[in-house]
Amino acid sequence: MVELTPDTIKEINEEQGLQLKADESGVLIVRVLEGSPAEAAGLAPGDVIQSINDTVVNTPTEVQAQVERSRIGEELRVKFHRNGSDEDIEVKPAALPAELR
């Protein structure tokens, strides 16, 4: 995950071919682990997380804090921006697989 600033937006747009708006806010997903709750819910690289359970997030640390406050199996409402559209999904956190710890 990457915090979006004007400089990172410019760099990402040039390097990745994304078309993020200069004033885009949130946290950009750069990679989704295979088999993760994020993948199961449909999150993908290029998505910009804007809030979790109605709490605005602007840094990867804030995203992680929201996930850590949740309980395994308890759904998190994630609002994100994808290809010019605002989306809303539910992600069910799960225990981290042993091979990823």
N, C-alpha and C. Protein backbone atom coordinates (compact mmCIF):
# COMPACT_ATOMS: atom_id res chain seq x y z
N MET A 1 0.85 -1.17 0.00
CA MET A 1 0.00 0.00 0.00
C MET A 1 0.89 1.23 0.00
N VAL A 2 0.39 2.29 -0.63
CA VAL A 2 1.16 3.51 -0.76
C VAL A 2 0.29 4.70 -0.41
N GLU A 3 0.83 5.59 0.42
CA GLU A 3 0.15 6.84 0.73
C GLU A 3 0.19 7.74 -0.50
N LEU A 4 -0.94 8.36 -0.81
CA LEU A 4 -0.99 9.22 -1.99
C LEU A 4 -0.66 10.67 -1.63
N THR A 5 0.36 11.19 -2.28
CA THR A 5 0.73 12.59 -2.20
C THR A 5 0.82 13.09 -3.63
N PRO A 6 0.84 14.39 -3.86
CA PRO A 6 0.98 14.87 -5.24
C PRO A 6 2.18 14.26 -5.97
N ASP A 7 3.30 14.12 -5.26
CA ASP A 7 4.49 13.54 -5.90
C ASP A 7 4.32 12.06 -6.22
N THR A 8 3.75 11.29 -5.28
CA THR A 8 3.58 9.86 -5.56
C THR A 8 2.53 9.65 -6.64
N ILE A 9 1.50 10.48 -6.67
CA ILE A 9 0.48 10.36 -7.72
C ILE A 9 1.11 10.57 -9.09
N LYS A 10 1.91 11.61 -9.21
CA LYS A 10 2.57 11.89 -10.48
C LYS A 10 3.47 10.73 -10.90
N GLU A 11 4.26 10.23 -9.95
CA GLU A 11 5.18 9.12 -10.23
C GLU A 11 4.41 7.85 -10.62
N ILE A 12 3.38 7.53 -9.88
CA ILE A 12 2.60 6.32 -10.14
C ILE A 12 1.91 6.42 -11.51
N ASN A 13 1.33 7.56 -11.80
CA ASN A 13 0.68 7.74 -13.10
C ASN A 13 1.65 7.53 -14.25
N GLU A 14 2.87 8.05 -14.10
CA GLU A 14 3.88 7.91 -15.16
C GLU A 14 4.39 6.48 -15.27
N GLU A 15 4.68 5.85 -14.13
CA GLU A 15 5.29 4.52 -14.14
C GLU A 15 4.30 3.39 -14.34
N GLN A 16 3.11 3.53 -13.79
CA GLN A 16 2.13 2.45 -13.82
C GLN A 16 1.06 2.65 -14.89
N GLY A 17 1.01 3.83 -15.46
CA GLY A 17 -0.02 4.10 -16.46
C GLY A 17 -1.40 4.30 -15.87
N LEU A 18 -1.46 4.53 -14.56
CA LEU A 18 -2.76 4.81 -13.93
C LEU A 18 -3.13 6.25 -14.20
N GLN A 19 -4.37 6.56 -14.00
CA GLN A 19 -4.84 7.92 -14.22
C GLN A 19 -5.47 8.46 -12.94
N LEU A 20 -4.67 8.45 -11.87
CA LEU A 20 -5.15 8.99 -10.61
C LEU A 20 -5.24 10.50 -10.72
N LYS A 21 -6.29 11.07 -10.12
CA LYS A 21 -6.45 12.52 -10.12
C LYS A 21 -5.40 13.13 -9.19
N ALA A 22 -4.95 14.33 -9.52
CA ALA A 22 -3.92 15.00 -8.73
C ALA A 22 -4.35 15.19 -7.28
N ASP A 23 -5.65 15.30 -7.03
CA ASP A 23 -6.13 15.51 -5.67
C ASP A 23 -6.71 14.24 -5.03
N GLU A 24 -6.40 13.09 -5.63
CA GLU A 24 -6.89 11.80 -5.10
C GLU A 24 -6.38 11.62 -3.67
N SER A 25 -7.25 11.17 -2.79
CA SER A 25 -6.83 10.90 -1.42
C SER A 25 -7.14 9.45 -1.08
N GLY A 26 -6.40 8.93 -0.13
CA GLY A 26 -6.58 7.54 0.28
C GLY A 26 -5.28 6.79 0.20
N VAL A 27 -5.40 5.47 0.13
CA VAL A 27 -4.24 4.59 0.13
C VAL A 27 -4.32 3.68 -1.10
N LEU A 28 -3.31 3.76 -1.93
CA LEU A 28 -3.27 2.97 -3.16
C LEU A 28 -2.83 1.54 -2.87
N ILE A 29 -3.58 0.58 -3.39
CA ILE A 29 -3.20 -0.83 -3.29
C ILE A 29 -2.25 -1.13 -4.45
N VAL A 30 -1.04 -1.57 -4.13
CA VAL A 30 -0.07 -1.90 -5.18
C VAL A 30 0.04 -3.40 -5.40
N ARG A 31 -0.39 -4.18 -4.38
CA ARG A 31 -0.32 -5.64 -4.49
C ARG A 31 -1.34 -6.26 -3.55
N VAL A 32 -1.97 -7.33 -4.00
CA VAL A 32 -2.92 -8.07 -3.17
C VAL A 32 -2.41 -9.50 -3.06
N LEU A 33 -2.24 -9.97 -1.84
CA LEU A 33 -1.73 -11.32 -1.63
C LEU A 33 -2.74 -12.36 -2.09
N GLU A 34 -2.24 -13.35 -2.80
CA GLU A 34 -3.08 -14.44 -3.26
C GLU A 34 -3.68 -15.18 -2.06
N GLY A 35 -4.97 -15.42 -2.11
CA GLY A 35 -5.65 -16.13 -1.05
C GLY A 35 -6.00 -15.27 0.15
N SER A 36 -5.73 -13.98 0.08
CA SER A 36 -6.01 -13.09 1.20
C SER A 36 -7.48 -12.68 1.22
N PRO A 37 -7.95 -12.19 2.38
CA PRO A 37 -9.32 -11.68 2.44
C PRO A 37 -9.55 -10.53 1.44
N ALA A 38 -8.54 -9.72 1.22
CA ALA A 38 -8.67 -8.62 0.25
C ALA A 38 -8.92 -9.17 -1.15
N GLU A 39 -8.19 -10.21 -1.53
CA GLU A 39 -8.39 -10.82 -2.84
C GLU A 39 -9.78 -11.45 -2.93
N ALA A 40 -10.18 -12.15 -1.87
CA ALA A 40 -11.49 -12.81 -1.86
C ALA A 40 -12.63 -11.79 -2.01
N ALA A 41 -12.43 -10.60 -1.45
CA ALA A 41 -13.46 -9.56 -1.53
C ALA A 41 -13.46 -8.84 -2.87
N GLY A 42 -12.36 -8.99 -3.63
CA GLY A 42 -12.31 -8.37 -4.94
C GLY A 42 -11.44 -7.13 -5.04
N LEU A 43 -10.70 -6.79 -3.99
CA LEU A 43 -9.77 -5.66 -4.09
C LEU A 43 -8.64 -6.02 -5.03
N ALA A 44 -8.11 -5.01 -5.72
CA ALA A 44 -7.10 -5.26 -6.74
C ALA A 44 -6.07 -4.13 -6.77
N PRO A 45 -4.88 -4.43 -7.30
CA PRO A 45 -3.90 -3.36 -7.46
C PRO A 45 -4.50 -2.22 -8.29
N GLY A 46 -4.21 -1.00 -7.86
CA GLY A 46 -4.76 0.18 -8.52
C GLY A 46 -5.97 0.76 -7.81
N ASP A 47 -6.60 -0.04 -6.94
CA ASP A 47 -7.71 0.48 -6.14
C ASP A 47 -7.16 1.46 -5.10
N VAL A 48 -7.94 2.48 -4.78
CA VAL A 48 -7.55 3.46 -3.76
C VAL A 48 -8.55 3.38 -2.62
N ILE A 49 -8.09 2.85 -1.48
CA ILE A 49 -8.95 2.74 -0.29
C ILE A 49 -9.15 4.14 0.27
N GLN A 50 -10.42 4.50 0.48
CA GLN A 50 -10.74 5.82 1.00
C GLN A 50 -11.21 5.78 2.46
N SER A 51 -11.93 4.70 2.82
CA SER A 51 -12.36 4.57 4.21
C SER A 51 -12.62 3.12 4.55
N ILE A 52 -12.55 2.85 5.85
CA ILE A 52 -12.87 1.52 6.37
C ILE A 52 -13.82 1.74 7.54
N ASN A 53 -14.99 1.11 7.46
CA ASN A 53 -16.03 1.29 8.48
C ASN A 53 -16.29 2.77 8.74
N ASP A 54 -16.39 3.54 7.66
CA ASP A 54 -16.70 4.98 7.71
C ASP A 54 -15.59 5.83 8.35
N THR A 55 -14.42 5.25 8.55
CA THR A 55 -13.28 6.02 9.04
C THR A 55 -12.35 6.29 7.87
N VAL A 56 -12.12 7.56 7.56
CA VAL A 56 -11.25 7.94 6.45
C VAL A 56 -9.83 7.47 6.74
N VAL A 57 -9.18 6.90 5.71
CA VAL A 57 -7.79 6.47 5.84
C VAL A 57 -6.95 7.16 4.76
N ASN A 58 -5.77 7.63 5.17
CA ASN A 58 -4.87 8.32 4.25
C ASN A 58 -3.47 7.73 4.23
N THR A 59 -3.21 6.77 5.12
CA THR A 59 -1.89 6.16 5.17
C THR A 59 -2.04 4.64 5.33
N PRO A 60 -1.03 3.89 4.89
CA PRO A 60 -1.07 2.43 5.12
C PRO A 60 -1.19 2.09 6.60
N THR A 61 -0.59 2.90 7.47
CA THR A 61 -0.67 2.66 8.92
C THR A 61 -2.11 2.76 9.40
N GLU A 62 -2.87 3.72 8.87
CA GLU A 62 -4.27 3.87 9.26
C GLU A 62 -5.10 2.69 8.77
N VAL A 63 -4.80 2.18 7.57
CA VAL A 63 -5.50 1.00 7.07
C VAL A 63 -5.22 -0.18 8.00
N GLN A 64 -3.94 -0.39 8.31
CA GLN A 64 -3.56 -1.51 9.17
C GLN A 64 -4.20 -1.40 10.54
N ALA A 65 -4.28 -0.19 11.08
CA ALA A 65 -4.90 0.01 12.40
C ALA A 65 -6.37 -0.39 12.38
N GLN A 66 -7.08 -0.05 11.31
CA GLN A 66 -8.49 -0.43 11.19
C GLN A 66 -8.64 -1.95 11.11
N VAL A 67 -7.77 -2.60 10.37
CA VAL A 67 -7.83 -4.05 10.25
C VAL A 67 -7.52 -4.70 11.60
N GLU A 68 -6.52 -4.19 12.30
CA GLU A 68 -6.14 -4.76 13.59
C GLU A 68 -7.22 -4.57 14.65
N ARG A 69 -8.03 -3.53 14.54
CA ARG A 69 -9.12 -3.29 15.49
C ARG A 69 -10.30 -4.25 15.26
N SER A 70 -10.33 -4.87 14.11
CA SER A 70 -11.45 -5.75 13.78
C SER A 70 -11.23 -7.13 14.37
N ARG A 71 -12.27 -7.94 14.29
CA ARG A 71 -12.18 -9.33 14.73
C ARG A 71 -12.18 -10.23 13.51
N ILE A 72 -11.51 -11.35 13.62
CA ILE A 72 -11.50 -12.32 12.53
C ILE A 72 -12.93 -12.72 12.22
N GLY A 73 -13.28 -12.64 10.94
CA GLY A 73 -14.61 -13.00 10.49
C GLY A 73 -15.63 -11.88 10.55
N GLU A 74 -15.30 -10.77 11.23
CA GLU A 74 -16.20 -9.61 11.32
C GLU A 74 -15.99 -8.75 10.08
N GLU A 75 -17.05 -8.47 9.35
CA GLU A 75 -16.91 -7.75 8.08
C GLU A 75 -16.51 -6.30 8.29
N LEU A 76 -15.61 -5.85 7.43
CA LEU A 76 -15.19 -4.45 7.37
C LEU A 76 -15.77 -3.85 6.10
N ARG A 77 -16.43 -2.70 6.21
CA ARG A 77 -16.91 -1.99 5.03
C ARG A 77 -15.77 -1.14 4.47
N VAL A 78 -15.38 -1.43 3.26
CA VAL A 78 -14.28 -0.72 2.62
C VAL A 78 -14.82 0.08 1.44
N LYS A 79 -14.61 1.38 1.49
CA LYS A 79 -14.97 2.24 0.37
C LYS A 79 -13.68 2.56 -0.38
N PHE A 80 -13.74 2.40 -1.70
CA PHE A 80 -12.54 2.62 -2.49
C PHE A 80 -12.90 3.18 -3.85
N HIS A 81 -11.89 3.66 -4.52
CA HIS A 81 -12.04 4.26 -5.85
C HIS A 81 -11.36 3.34 -6.86
N ARG A 82 -12.08 3.00 -7.95
CA ARG A 82 -11.51 2.14 -8.98
C ARG A 82 -11.95 2.65 -10.35
N ASN A 83 -10.97 2.94 -11.19
CA ASN A 83 -11.26 3.35 -12.58
C ASN A 83 -12.32 4.44 -12.68
N GLY A 84 -12.22 5.45 -11.82
CA GLY A 84 -13.15 6.57 -11.90
C GLY A 84 -14.46 6.38 -11.17
N SER A 85 -14.66 5.23 -10.53
CA SER A 85 -15.92 4.96 -9.82
C SER A 85 -15.66 4.71 -8.34
N ASP A 86 -16.60 5.14 -7.52
CA ASP A 86 -16.54 4.82 -6.10
C ASP A 86 -17.22 3.48 -5.88
N GLU A 87 -16.58 2.62 -5.14
CA GLU A 87 -17.08 1.27 -4.88
C GLU A 87 -17.16 1.06 -3.37
N ASP A 88 -17.93 0.08 -2.98
CA ASP A 88 -18.12 -0.26 -1.57
C ASP A 88 -18.22 -1.78 -1.47
N ILE A 89 -17.35 -2.39 -0.68
CA ILE A 89 -17.39 -3.85 -0.50
C ILE A 89 -17.21 -4.20 0.96
N GLU A 90 -17.42 -5.45 1.28
CA GLU A 90 -17.17 -5.94 2.63
C GLU A 90 -16.04 -6.96 2.57
N VAL A 91 -15.09 -6.79 3.48
CA VAL A 91 -13.94 -7.68 3.58
C VAL A 91 -14.01 -8.36 4.94
N LYS A 92 -13.84 -9.69 4.95
CA LYS A 92 -13.84 -10.44 6.20
C LYS A 92 -12.40 -10.78 6.57
N PRO A 93 -11.83 -10.11 7.58
CA PRO A 93 -10.46 -10.44 8.00
C PRO A 93 -10.36 -11.90 8.44
N ALA A 94 -9.20 -12.47 8.18
CA ALA A 94 -8.92 -13.86 8.56
C ALA A 94 -7.52 -13.92 9.17
N ALA A 95 -7.23 -14.99 9.83
CA ALA A 95 -5.90 -15.18 10.41
C ALA A 95 -4.86 -15.20 9.29
N LEU A 96 -3.72 -14.60 9.54
CA LEU A 96 -2.63 -14.60 8.58
C LEU A 96 -2.07 -16.01 8.46
N PRO A 97 -1.96 -16.54 7.24
CA PRO A 97 -1.41 -17.88 7.07
C PRO A 97 0.00 -17.98 7.66
N ALA A 98 0.33 -19.11 8.21
CA ALA A 98 1.62 -19.31 8.87
C ALA A 98 2.80 -18.94 7.97
N GLU A 99 2.69 -19.26 6.67
CA GLU A 99 3.82 -18.98 5.77
C GLU A 99 4.05 -17.49 5.53
N LEU A 100 3.10 -16.65 5.94
CA LEU A 100 3.24 -15.21 5.75
C LEU A 100 3.60 -14.49 7.05
N ARG A 101 3.70 -15.23 8.13
CA ARG A 101 4.01 -14.58 9.43
C ARG A 101 5.48 -14.36 9.58
